[in-house]
Each structure stands twice: as structure tokens, then as C-alpha cells.
Amino acid sequence: MNLEKTITFADHLAKAEEIGQGVKPLTELDASLTVVEAYHVQLKTIERKVNGGQRVVGKKIGLTSLAMQKLLGVDQPDYGHLLDSMDIDNGGKISTDKVLQPKVEAEIAFILKSDLVGPKVTAMDVLMATDYVLPALEIVDSRIADWKIKLQDTIADNASSGLYVLGNRPMKVSELDLVQTGVVLYKNGEIVNTGVGAAALGNPAICVAWLANKLFEFGISLKAGEVILSGALSAAANAVPGDRFQARFAHLGEVTVNF
């Protein structure tokens, strides 16, 4: 895809943020849009935000469950960038003018202590490069109206990233079983769904390895200190003003956010 087209699509998604309203899917504007082209749209958007003073602090992995992959007709996850402007304090409040159509997912966040450079990163490499893990909530959001997305749409839209919340209790990966770690997601005090580490490609560390290897295709590596949201362990729950979400993880603690 030529640069002009990349800029046009990045502008299209930026308009949604400016007007606070979802826009038409990119795949309706151009049915031939490829996955690689969509990633270049994402990278252009992130480049603009960084040039505007924001800072990349990590990455997020999406579509790690087989159910979501089948829904979009794909056979692999996708990824997006985390910016410092997306970080919400544990127990904090999210103003509704910061999001368009938010949904909340429970995840395990990896905090890296050393770089991970593809293309042959393994799950064991990930564990060795991890400083600690934290419970997390990801607030996914879409600049595409009514979440009417195909894979290329969500990739171009920074993998439908919105905001994220990290818990306060770091834990070494050697202290828990990532595959068997369970989570219960509560909305306004009631259980909305449950999940387990195995829901993310069988092991959240496998997701992070996939990410490191995928980034290699674009000349990007994971850096020490970055936050990596490893993929949803629970189904996404819709959020509206007044909602309170809490994820309680076995052994890993809990994380909370309010809308």
C-alpha cells in the first residue's frame, strides 16, 4: 500500500477520536486491504501519537482465543501498541469521554526485564525475560462504528486498544502456574464470566513469544521495561457509565476500574 493510502486510512480513524463517534470500516472503503497494509496504518497512527508527545510503553496481544479467531475467520492473533496515555490507576475512574464503545477483559500482564527479539523467541525465552507479572484489565475500544470489524479493521485500529489497568501486586513467573491461573471477572459485584491462563493460546507466555516473533517482521522488538498484555482470559464485557469492574486472579490478586 502506498504512503498516501496509509495516511488516508490513518486520518479516517483519527477522525473518530476527534468527533467522538465511530466511523465506517476500512474494509468497506477498500475491500482489498491486506493484513500487512493494516499494520502499516497502525504504525502510522502510533508514529503520529509519538511525534505528538506520547510514549510507547508496551504492546497488547488480541485474538488469542480460538472463539475470537473463528469469529473473525483468522488463524493467529494480532497486536497493538500501548501508550503512556492509556494507563489507568488500579481502582481509578475512566471518564466516558475517553472511550467510544468500551468493553472490559481480564488479562495477565508481563513486565519485561530484558529485550525479546524475534524471529525464534520461545515461551521459555519469555519466562526468562520476564521481571514479573501482574493482574490486568484491558479496556478494548473501537473507532469503527458498532464494532463492525474484520481482522484488517481491528489491526489498523491499533488492535482495538483503548486503555489498561494494572494491579499492584507483582509476582515472579516461577511463583505461579500461568496455564492454570484462573480469573473471575465481576461487573457491579456480579460474576459476568470466568477464565484461565490456558485460554490464551494454551499459555500466556506463548502469546508473548508469538508477539516478539511477529514484531520482527516489522523491524520492531520488545524492550526491557515494557508492559505486555498477553491476551484476554475472559470474554469482553460491555461497559457503560456507572459500571465497576473487578478481576480476581488466583494467587495473583485483583484489579479494579470504574466508569
C-alpha atoms as a PDB file:
ATOM      1  CA  MET A   1       0.000   0.000   0.000  1.00  0.00           C
ATOM      2  CA  ASN A   2       1.359   3.410  -0.905  1.00  0.00           C
ATOM      3  CA  LEU A   3       2.028   6.055   1.713  1.00  0.00           C
ATOM      4  CA  GLU A   4      -0.840   8.248   0.562  1.00  0.00           C
ATOM      5  CA  LYS A   5      -3.336   5.452   1.171  1.00  0.00           C
ATOM      6  CA  THR A   6      -1.812   4.689   4.581  1.00  0.00           C
ATOM      7  CA  ILE A   7      -2.193   8.323   5.585  1.00  0.00           C
ATOM      8  CA  THR A   8      -5.778   8.458   4.286  1.00  0.00           C
ATOM      9  CA  PHE A   9      -6.790   5.476   6.419  1.00  0.00           C
ATOM     10  CA  ALA A  10      -4.926   6.787   9.487  1.00  0.00           C
ATOM     11  CA  ASP A  11      -6.777  10.079   9.020  1.00  0.00           C
ATOM     12  CA  HIS A  12     -10.070   8.188   8.796  1.00  0.00           C
ATOM     13  CA  LEU A  13      -9.507   6.525  12.183  1.00  0.00           C
ATOM     14  CA  ALA A  14      -8.197   9.749  13.731  1.00  0.00           C
ATOM     15  CA  LYS A  15     -11.453  11.428  12.752  1.00  0.00           C
ATOM     16  CA  ALA A  16     -13.354   9.016  15.004  1.00  0.00           C
ATOM     17  CA  GLU A  17     -11.316  10.194  18.000  1.00  0.00           C
ATOM     18  CA  GLU A  18     -11.775  13.835  17.037  1.00  0.00           C
ATOM     19  CA  ILE A  19     -15.558  13.650  16.704  1.00  0.00           C
ATOM     20  CA  GLY A  20     -16.082  11.040  19.427  1.00  0.00           C
ATOM     21  CA  GLN A  21     -18.008   8.796  17.093  1.00  0.00           C
ATOM     22  CA  GLY A  22     -17.296   5.553  15.261  1.00  0.00           C
ATOM     23  CA  VAL A  23     -16.547   5.634  11.543  1.00  0.00           C
ATOM     24  CA  LYS A  24     -17.071   3.291   8.605  1.00  0.00           C
ATOM     25  CA  PRO A  25     -14.871   0.134   8.497  1.00  0.00           C
ATOM     26  CA  LEU A  26     -11.733   0.417   6.396  1.00  0.00           C
ATOM     27  CA  THR A  27     -12.656  -2.862   4.725  1.00  0.00           C
ATOM     28  CA  GLU A  28     -15.779  -1.179   3.360  1.00  0.00           C
ATOM     29  CA  LEU A  29     -13.681   1.652   1.962  1.00  0.00           C
ATOM     30  CA  ASP A  30     -11.217  -0.815   0.427  1.00  0.00           C
ATOM     31  CA  ALA A  31     -12.169  -4.484   0.289  1.00  0.00           C
ATOM     32  CA  SER A  32      -8.651  -5.370  -0.902  1.00  0.00           C
ATOM     33  CA  LEU A  33      -6.941  -4.066   2.264  1.00  0.00           C
ATOM     34  CA  THR A  34      -4.417  -6.665   3.455  1.00  0.00           C
ATOM     35  CA  VAL A  35      -3.223  -7.522   6.957  1.00  0.00           C
ATOM     36  CA  VAL A  36       0.250  -6.113   6.257  1.00  0.00           C
ATOM     37  CA  GLU A  37      -1.251  -2.891   4.922  1.00  0.00           C
ATOM     38  CA  ALA A  38      -3.439  -2.653   8.035  1.00  0.00           C
ATOM     39  CA  TYR A  39      -0.383  -2.919  10.279  1.00  0.00           C
ATOM     40  CA  HIS A  40       1.216  -0.039   8.357  1.00  0.00           C
ATOM     41  CA  VAL A  41      -1.881   2.071   9.076  1.00  0.00           C
ATOM     42  CA  GLN A  42      -1.490   1.224  12.770  1.00  0.00           C
ATOM     43  CA  LEU A  43       2.201   2.113  12.708  1.00  0.00           C
ATOM     44  CA  LYS A  44       1.430   5.466  11.059  1.00  0.00           C
ATOM     45  CA  THR A  45      -1.102   6.267  13.795  1.00  0.00           C
ATOM     46  CA  ILE A  46       1.389   5.356  16.529  1.00  0.00           C
ATOM     47  CA  GLU A  47       4.129   7.380  14.817  1.00  0.00           C
ATOM     48  CA  ARG A  48       1.848  10.430  14.887  1.00  0.00           C
ATOM     49  CA  LYS A  49       0.993   9.979  18.549  1.00  0.00           C
ATOM     50  CA  VAL A  50       4.661   9.602  19.486  1.00  0.00           C
ATOM     51  CA  ASN A  51       5.517  12.711  17.473  1.00  0.00           C
ATOM     52  CA  GLY A  52       2.766  14.444  19.437  1.00  0.00           C
ATOM     53  CA  GLY A  53       4.475  13.671  22.738  1.00  0.00           C
ATOM     54  CA  GLN A  54       3.035  10.298  23.732  1.00  0.00           C
ATOM     55  CA  ARG A  55       5.326   7.390  24.570  1.00  0.00           C
ATOM     56  CA  VAL A  56       5.135   3.699  23.690  1.00  0.00           C
ATOM     57  CA  VAL A  57       5.232   1.732  26.968  1.00  0.00           C
ATOM     58  CA  GLY A  58       4.344  -1.734  25.723  1.00  0.00           C
ATOM     59  CA  LYS A  59       2.196  -3.883  23.482  1.00  0.00           C
ATOM     60  CA  LYS A  60      -1.078  -5.784  23.656  1.00  0.00           C
ATOM     61  CA  ILE A  61      -1.997  -9.073  22.033  1.00  0.00           C
ATOM     62  CA  GLY A  62      -5.507  -9.634  20.727  1.00  0.00           C
ATOM     63  CA  LEU A  63      -7.464 -12.547  19.289  1.00  0.00           C
ATOM     64  CA  THR A  64      -5.720 -15.115  21.463  1.00  0.00           C
ATOM     65  CA  SER A  65      -8.815 -17.260  21.976  1.00  0.00           C
ATOM     66  CA  LEU A  66      -9.947 -19.790  19.395  1.00  0.00           C
ATOM     67  CA  ALA A  67     -13.513 -18.460  19.710  1.00  0.00           C
ATOM     68  CA  MET A  68     -12.461 -14.934  18.688  1.00  0.00           C
ATOM     69  CA  GLN A  69     -10.244 -16.245  15.897  1.00  0.00           C
ATOM     70  CA  LYS A  70     -13.139 -18.258  14.482  1.00  0.00           C
ATOM     71  CA  LEU A  71     -15.426 -15.227  14.786  1.00  0.00           C
ATOM     72  CA  LEU A  72     -13.120 -13.179  12.553  1.00  0.00           C
ATOM     73  CA  GLY A  73     -12.081 -16.124  10.396  1.00  0.00           C
ATOM     74  CA  VAL A  74      -8.378 -15.972  11.277  1.00  0.00           C
ATOM     75  CA  ASP A  75      -5.771 -18.449  12.485  1.00  0.00           C
ATOM     76  CA  GLN A  76      -3.480 -16.174  14.511  1.00  0.00           C
ATOM     77  CA  PRO A  77      -3.617 -13.294  16.999  1.00  0.00           C
ATOM     78  CA  ASP A  78      -2.925  -9.636  16.291  1.00  0.00           C
ATOM     79  CA  TYR A  79      -1.159  -6.913  18.235  1.00  0.00           C
ATOM     80  CA  GLY A  80      -1.349  -3.238  19.124  1.00  0.00           C
ATOM     81  CA  HIS A  81       0.740  -0.629  20.917  1.00  0.00           C
ATOM     82  CA  LEU A  82       0.289   0.632  24.480  1.00  0.00           C
ATOM     83  CA  LEU A  83       0.925   4.321  25.071  1.00  0.00           C
ATOM     84  CA  ASP A  84       1.543   6.104  28.361  1.00  0.00           C
ATOM     85  CA  SER A  85      -1.763   7.941  27.846  1.00  0.00           C
ATOM     86  CA  MET A  86      -3.654   4.626  28.093  1.00  0.00           C
ATOM     87  CA  ASP A  87      -2.551   3.764  31.649  1.00  0.00           C
ATOM     88  CA  ILE A  88      -5.286   3.981  34.306  1.00  0.00           C
ATOM     89  CA  ASP A  89      -4.533   3.581  38.023  1.00  0.00           C
ATOM     90  CA  ASN A  90      -5.833   0.487  39.788  1.00  0.00           C
ATOM     91  CA  GLY A  91      -9.179   1.468  41.309  1.00  0.00           C
ATOM     92  CA  GLY A  92      -9.274   4.595  39.154  1.00  0.00           C
ATOM     93  CA  LYS A  93     -12.091   6.144  37.171  1.00  0.00           C
ATOM     94  CA  ILE A  94     -12.469   6.292  33.404  1.00  0.00           C
ATOM     95  CA  SER A  95     -14.281   9.305  32.029  1.00  0.00           C
ATOM     96  CA  THR A  96     -16.678   8.309  29.276  1.00  0.00           C
ATOM     97  CA  ASP A  97     -15.232  10.989  27.001  1.00  0.00           C
ATOM     98  CA  LYS A  98     -12.007   8.920  26.857  1.00  0.00           C
ATOM     99  CA  VAL A  99     -13.734   5.957  25.208  1.00  0.00           C
ATOM    100  CA  LEU A 100     -16.271   5.360  22.452  1.00  0.00           C
ATOM    101  CA  GLN A 101     -17.717   1.853  22.922  1.00  0.00           C
ATOM    102  CA  PRO A 102     -15.663   0.173  25.653  1.00  0.00           C
ATOM    103  CA  LYS A 103     -15.527  -3.469  26.666  1.00  0.00           C
ATOM    104  CA  VAL A 104     -13.507  -4.929  29.544  1.00  0.00           C
ATOM    105  CA  GLU A 105     -11.304  -8.041  29.522  1.00  0.00           C
ATOM    106  CA  ALA A 106      -9.236  -9.720  32.250  1.00  0.00           C
ATOM    107  CA  GLU A 107      -5.616 -10.482  31.317  1.00  0.00           C
ATOM    108  CA  ILE A 108      -2.184 -11.265  32.705  1.00  0.00           C
ATOM    109  CA  ALA A 109       0.392  -8.517  32.107  1.00  0.00           C
ATOM    110  CA  PHE A 110       4.085  -9.342  31.655  1.00  0.00           C
ATOM    111  CA  ILE A 111       6.685  -6.743  32.666  1.00  0.00           C
ATOM    112  CA  LEU A 112       9.961  -7.427  30.875  1.00  0.00           C
ATOM    113  CA  LYS A 113      13.439  -7.173  32.389  1.00  0.00           C
ATOM    114  CA  SER A 114      15.283  -7.809  29.131  1.00  0.00           C
ATOM    115  CA  ASP A 115      14.654  -7.381  25.412  1.00  0.00           C
ATOM    116  CA  LEU A 116      12.963 -10.047  23.305  1.00  0.00           C
ATOM    117  CA  VAL A 117      13.987 -10.061  19.646  1.00  0.00           C
ATOM    118  CA  GLY A 118      12.391 -12.392  17.090  1.00  0.00           C
ATOM    119  CA  PRO A 119      12.154 -14.416  14.963  1.00  0.00           C
ATOM    120  CA  LYS A 120      12.837 -17.506  17.114  1.00  0.00           C
ATOM    121  CA  VAL A 121      11.596 -16.471  20.561  1.00  0.00           C
ATOM    122  CA  THR A 122      10.101 -19.338  22.610  1.00  0.00           C
ATOM    123  CA  ALA A 123       7.803 -19.382  25.631  1.00  0.00           C
ATOM    124  CA  MET A 124      10.833 -20.284  27.769  1.00  0.00           C
ATOM    125  CA  ASP A 125      12.664 -17.219  26.430  1.00  0.00           C
ATOM    126  CA  VAL A 126       9.669 -15.135  27.501  1.00  0.00           C
ATOM    127  CA  LEU A 127       9.709 -16.532  31.035  1.00  0.00           C
ATOM    128  CA  MET A 128      13.426 -15.841  31.349  1.00  0.00           C
ATOM    129  CA  ALA A 129      12.967 -12.268  30.073  1.00  0.00           C
ATOM    130  CA  THR A 130      10.051 -11.509  32.415  1.00  0.00           C
ATOM    131  CA  ASP A 131      10.679  -9.482  35.558  1.00  0.00           C
ATOM    132  CA  TYR A 132       7.220 -10.167  36.975  1.00  0.00           C
ATOM    133  CA  VAL A 133       3.552 -10.482  36.057  1.00  0.00           C
ATOM    134  CA  LEU A 134       0.520  -8.504  37.227  1.00  0.00           C
ATOM    135  CA  PRO A 135      -3.255  -8.866  37.054  1.00  0.00           C
ATOM    136  CA  ALA A 136      -4.665  -6.535  34.427  1.00  0.00           C
ATOM    137  CA  LEU A 137      -7.829  -5.217  32.878  1.00  0.00           C
ATOM    138  CA  GLU A 138      -7.795  -4.176  29.255  1.00  0.00           C
ATOM    139  CA  ILE A 139     -10.442  -1.741  28.105  1.00  0.00           C
ATOM    140  CA  VAL A 140     -10.793  -2.555  24.445  1.00  0.00           C
ATOM    141  CA  ASP A 141     -12.423   0.058  22.263  1.00  0.00           C
ATOM    142  CA  SER A 142     -13.112   0.541  18.581  1.00  0.00           C
ATOM    143  CA  ARG A 143     -13.019   3.587  16.361  1.00  0.00           C
ATOM    144  CA  ILE A 144     -15.143   1.537  13.933  1.00  0.00           C
ATOM    145  CA  ALA A 145     -18.877   2.135  14.335  1.00  0.00           C
ATOM    146  CA  ASP A 146     -20.801  -0.625  16.148  1.00  0.00           C
ATOM    147  CA  TRP A 147     -17.710  -2.887  16.336  1.00  0.00           C
ATOM    148  CA  LYS A 148     -18.394  -3.858  12.718  1.00  0.00           C
ATOM    149  CA  ILE A 149     -14.859  -5.126  12.260  1.00  0.00           C
ATOM    150  CA  LYS A 150     -12.916  -7.584  10.195  1.00  0.00           C
ATOM    151  CA  LEU A 151      -9.325  -8.533  11.031  1.00  0.00           C
ATOM    152  CA  GLN A 152      -7.847  -5.725   8.922  1.00  0.00           C
ATOM    153  CA  ASP A 153     -10.085  -3.160  10.641  1.00  0.00           C
ATOM    154  CA  THR A 154      -9.052  -4.079  14.157  1.00  0.00           C
ATOM    155  CA  ILE A 155      -5.353  -4.259  13.230  1.00  0.00           C
ATOM    156  CA  ALA A 156      -5.383  -0.823  11.596  1.00  0.00           C
ATOM    157  CA  ASP A 157      -7.227   0.484  14.675  1.00  0.00           C
ATOM    158  CA  ASN A 158      -4.312  -0.482  16.959  1.00  0.00           C
ATOM    159  CA  ALA A 159      -5.882  -3.881  17.638  1.00  0.00           C
ATOM    160  CA  SER A 160      -8.939  -2.135  19.104  1.00  0.00           C
ATOM    161  CA  SER A 161      -6.870  -0.823  22.007  1.00  0.00           C
ATOM    162  CA  GLY A 162      -8.359   1.621  24.462  1.00  0.00           C
ATOM    163  CA  LEU A 163      -6.953   1.752  27.981  1.00  0.00           C
ATOM    164  CA  TYR A 164      -5.485  -0.627  30.538  1.00  0.00           C
ATOM    165  CA  VAL A 165      -5.254  -1.066  34.310  1.00  0.00           C
ATOM    166  CA  LEU A 166      -2.529  -2.935  36.175  1.00  0.00           C
ATOM    167  CA  GLY A 167      -2.775  -4.481  39.640  1.00  0.00           C
ATOM    168  CA  ASN A 168      -0.412  -3.549  42.450  1.00  0.00           C
ATOM    169  CA  ARG A 169       0.943  -6.966  43.386  1.00  0.00           C
ATOM    170  CA  PRO A 170       3.869  -8.129  41.237  1.00  0.00           C
ATOM    171  CA  MET A 171       4.637 -11.836  41.185  1.00  0.00           C
ATOM    172  CA  LYS A 172       7.518 -13.796  39.672  1.00  0.00           C
ATOM    173  CA  VAL A 173       6.501 -16.258  36.967  1.00  0.00           C
ATOM    174  CA  SER A 174       8.206 -19.006  38.985  1.00  0.00           C
ATOM    175  CA  GLU A 175       5.657 -18.447  41.755  1.00  0.00           C
ATOM    176  CA  LEU A 176       2.551 -19.443  39.820  1.00  0.00           C
ATOM    177  CA  ASP A 177       1.290 -21.711  37.057  1.00  0.00           C
ATOM    178  CA  LEU A 178       0.390 -19.360  34.208  1.00  0.00           C
ATOM    179  CA  VAL A 179      -1.585 -22.047  32.393  1.00  0.00           C
ATOM    180  CA  GLN A 180      -3.756 -22.930  35.395  1.00  0.00           C
ATOM    181  CA  THR A 181      -4.180 -19.414  36.808  1.00  0.00           C
ATOM    182  CA  GLY A 182      -7.904 -18.730  36.996  1.00  0.00           C
ATOM    183  CA  VAL A 183      -9.730 -15.406  36.980  1.00  0.00           C
ATOM    184  CA  VAL A 184     -13.242 -14.258  37.798  1.00  0.00           C
ATOM    185  CA  LEU A 185     -14.494 -11.016  36.225  1.00  0.00           C
ATOM    186  CA  TYR A 186     -17.102  -9.076  38.195  1.00  0.00           C
ATOM    187  CA  LYS A 187     -19.334  -6.279  36.923  1.00  0.00           C
ATOM    188  CA  ASN A 188     -21.053  -4.266  39.643  1.00  0.00           C
ATOM    189  CA  GLY A 189     -20.381  -7.056  42.139  1.00  0.00           C
ATOM    190  CA  GLU A 190     -21.821  -9.843  40.000  1.00  0.00           C
ATOM    191  CA  ILE A 191     -19.840 -12.506  38.135  1.00  0.00           C
ATOM    192  CA  VAL A 192     -20.002 -11.922  34.380  1.00  0.00           C
ATOM    193  CA  ASN A 193     -17.523 -14.574  33.300  1.00  0.00           C
ATOM    194  CA  THR A 194     -14.510 -16.637  34.285  1.00  0.00           C
ATOM    195  CA  GLY A 195     -11.315 -17.657  32.566  1.00  0.00           C
ATOM    196  CA  VAL A 196      -7.992 -19.416  32.887  1.00  0.00           C
ATOM    197  CA  GLY A 197      -4.476 -18.869  31.551  1.00  0.00           C
ATOM    198  CA  ALA A 198      -4.823 -21.752  29.120  1.00  0.00           C
ATOM    199  CA  ALA A 199      -7.477 -19.712  27.237  1.00  0.00           C
ATOM    200  CA  ALA A 200      -4.681 -17.602  25.712  1.00  0.00           C
ATOM    201  CA  LEU A 201      -3.157 -19.926  23.084  1.00  0.00           C
ATOM    202  CA  GLY A 202      -2.708 -22.561  25.778  1.00  0.00           C
ATOM    203  CA  ASN A 203      -0.264 -20.399  27.757  1.00  0.00           C
ATOM    204  CA  PRO A 204       0.062 -16.588  28.022  1.00  0.00           C
ATOM    205  CA  ALA A 205       3.844 -16.934  27.566  1.00  0.00           C
ATOM    206  CA  ILE A 206       3.210 -18.476  24.133  1.00  0.00           C
ATOM    207  CA  CYS A 207       1.257 -15.332  23.232  1.00  0.00           C
ATOM    208  CA  VAL A 208       4.182 -13.102  24.172  1.00  0.00           C
ATOM    209  CA  ALA A 209       6.556 -15.293  22.148  1.00  0.00           C
ATOM    210  CA  TRP A 210       4.222 -15.006  19.153  1.00  0.00           C
ATOM    211  CA  LEU A 211       4.271 -11.226  19.583  1.00  0.00           C
ATOM    212  CA  ALA A 212       8.060 -10.976  19.664  1.00  0.00           C
ATOM    213  CA  ASN A 213       8.296 -13.069  16.505  1.00  0.00           C
ATOM    214  CA  LYS A 214       5.537 -11.151  14.700  1.00  0.00           C
ATOM    215  CA  LEU A 215       7.130  -7.791  15.531  1.00  0.00           C
ATOM    216  CA  PHE A 216      10.341  -8.968  13.872  1.00  0.00           C
ATOM    217  CA  GLU A 217       8.508  -8.781  10.534  1.00  0.00           C
ATOM    218  CA  PHE A 218       8.202  -5.018  11.042  1.00  0.00           C
ATOM    219  CA  GLY A 219      11.676  -4.426  12.432  1.00  0.00           C
ATOM    220  CA  ILE A 220      10.388  -3.997  16.000  1.00  0.00           C
ATOM    221  CA  SER A 221      11.468  -5.780  19.195  1.00  0.00           C
ATOM    222  CA  LEU A 222      10.119  -5.948  22.740  1.00  0.00           C
ATOM    223  CA  LYS A 223      12.126  -3.837  25.167  1.00  0.00           C
ATOM    224  CA  ALA A 224      13.077  -4.246  28.820  1.00  0.00           C
ATOM    225  CA  GLY A 225      10.567  -2.406  30.993  1.00  0.00           C
ATOM    226  CA  GLU A 226       7.693  -2.764  28.541  1.00  0.00           C
ATOM    227  CA  VAL A 227       4.211  -3.866  29.626  1.00  0.00           C
ATOM    228  CA  ILE A 228       2.821  -6.746  27.562  1.00  0.00           C
ATOM    229  CA  LEU A 229      -0.887  -7.537  27.833  1.00  0.00           C
ATOM    230  CA  SER A 230      -0.860 -11.202  26.902  1.00  0.00           C
ATOM    231  CA  GLY A 231      -4.463 -11.700  25.775  1.00  0.00           C
ATOM    232  CA  ALA A 232      -7.951 -11.992  27.193  1.00  0.00           C
ATOM    233  CA  LEU A 233      -8.666 -14.831  29.602  1.00  0.00           C
ATOM    234  CA  SER A 234     -12.323 -13.837  29.836  1.00  0.00           C
ATOM    235  CA  ALA A 235     -14.919 -12.737  27.335  1.00  0.00           C
ATOM    236  CA  ALA A 236     -15.196  -8.991  26.836  1.00  0.00           C
ATOM    237  CA  ALA A 237     -17.971  -7.345  28.879  1.00  0.00           C
ATOM    238  CA  ASN A 238     -19.690  -4.145  27.747  1.00  0.00           C
ATOM    239  CA  ALA A 239     -19.135  -1.097  29.947  1.00  0.00           C
ATOM    240  CA  VAL A 240     -21.402   1.913  30.488  1.00  0.00           C
ATOM    241  CA  PRO A 241     -21.206   4.885  32.871  1.00  0.00           C
ATOM    242  CA  GLY A 242     -21.638   3.790  36.488  1.00  0.00           C
ATOM    243  CA  ASP A 243     -20.164   0.331  35.973  1.00  0.00           C
ATOM    244  CA  ARG A 244     -17.463  -1.067  38.247  1.00  0.00           C
ATOM    245  CA  PHE A 245     -15.298  -3.939  37.071  1.00  0.00           C
ATOM    246  CA  GLN A 246     -13.096  -6.157  39.196  1.00  0.00           C
ATOM    247  CA  ALA A 247     -10.955  -9.116  38.141  1.00  0.00           C
ATOM    248  CA  ARG A 248      -9.837 -11.526  40.854  1.00  0.00           C
ATOM    249  CA  PHE A 249      -6.999 -13.859  39.902  1.00  0.00           C
ATOM    250  CA  ALA A 250      -5.983 -16.975  41.799  1.00  0.00           C
ATOM    251  CA  HIS A 251      -2.731 -16.189  43.665  1.00  0.00           C
ATOM    252  CA  LEU A 252      -2.143 -13.059  41.564  1.00  0.00           C
ATOM    253  CA  GLY A 253      -4.507 -10.666  43.313  1.00  0.00           C
ATOM    254  CA  GLU A 254      -7.098  -8.326  41.872  1.00  0.00           C
ATOM    255  CA  VAL A 255      -7.522  -5.219  39.765  1.00  0.00           C
ATOM    256  CA  THR A 256     -10.445  -2.781  39.617  1.00  0.00           C
ATOM    257  CA  VAL A 257     -11.713   0.087  37.500  1.00  0.00           C
ATOM    258  CA  ASN A 258     -14.789   2.343  37.476  1.00  0.00           C
ATOM    259  CA  PHE A 259     -16.607   4.046  34.617  1.00  0.00           C
END
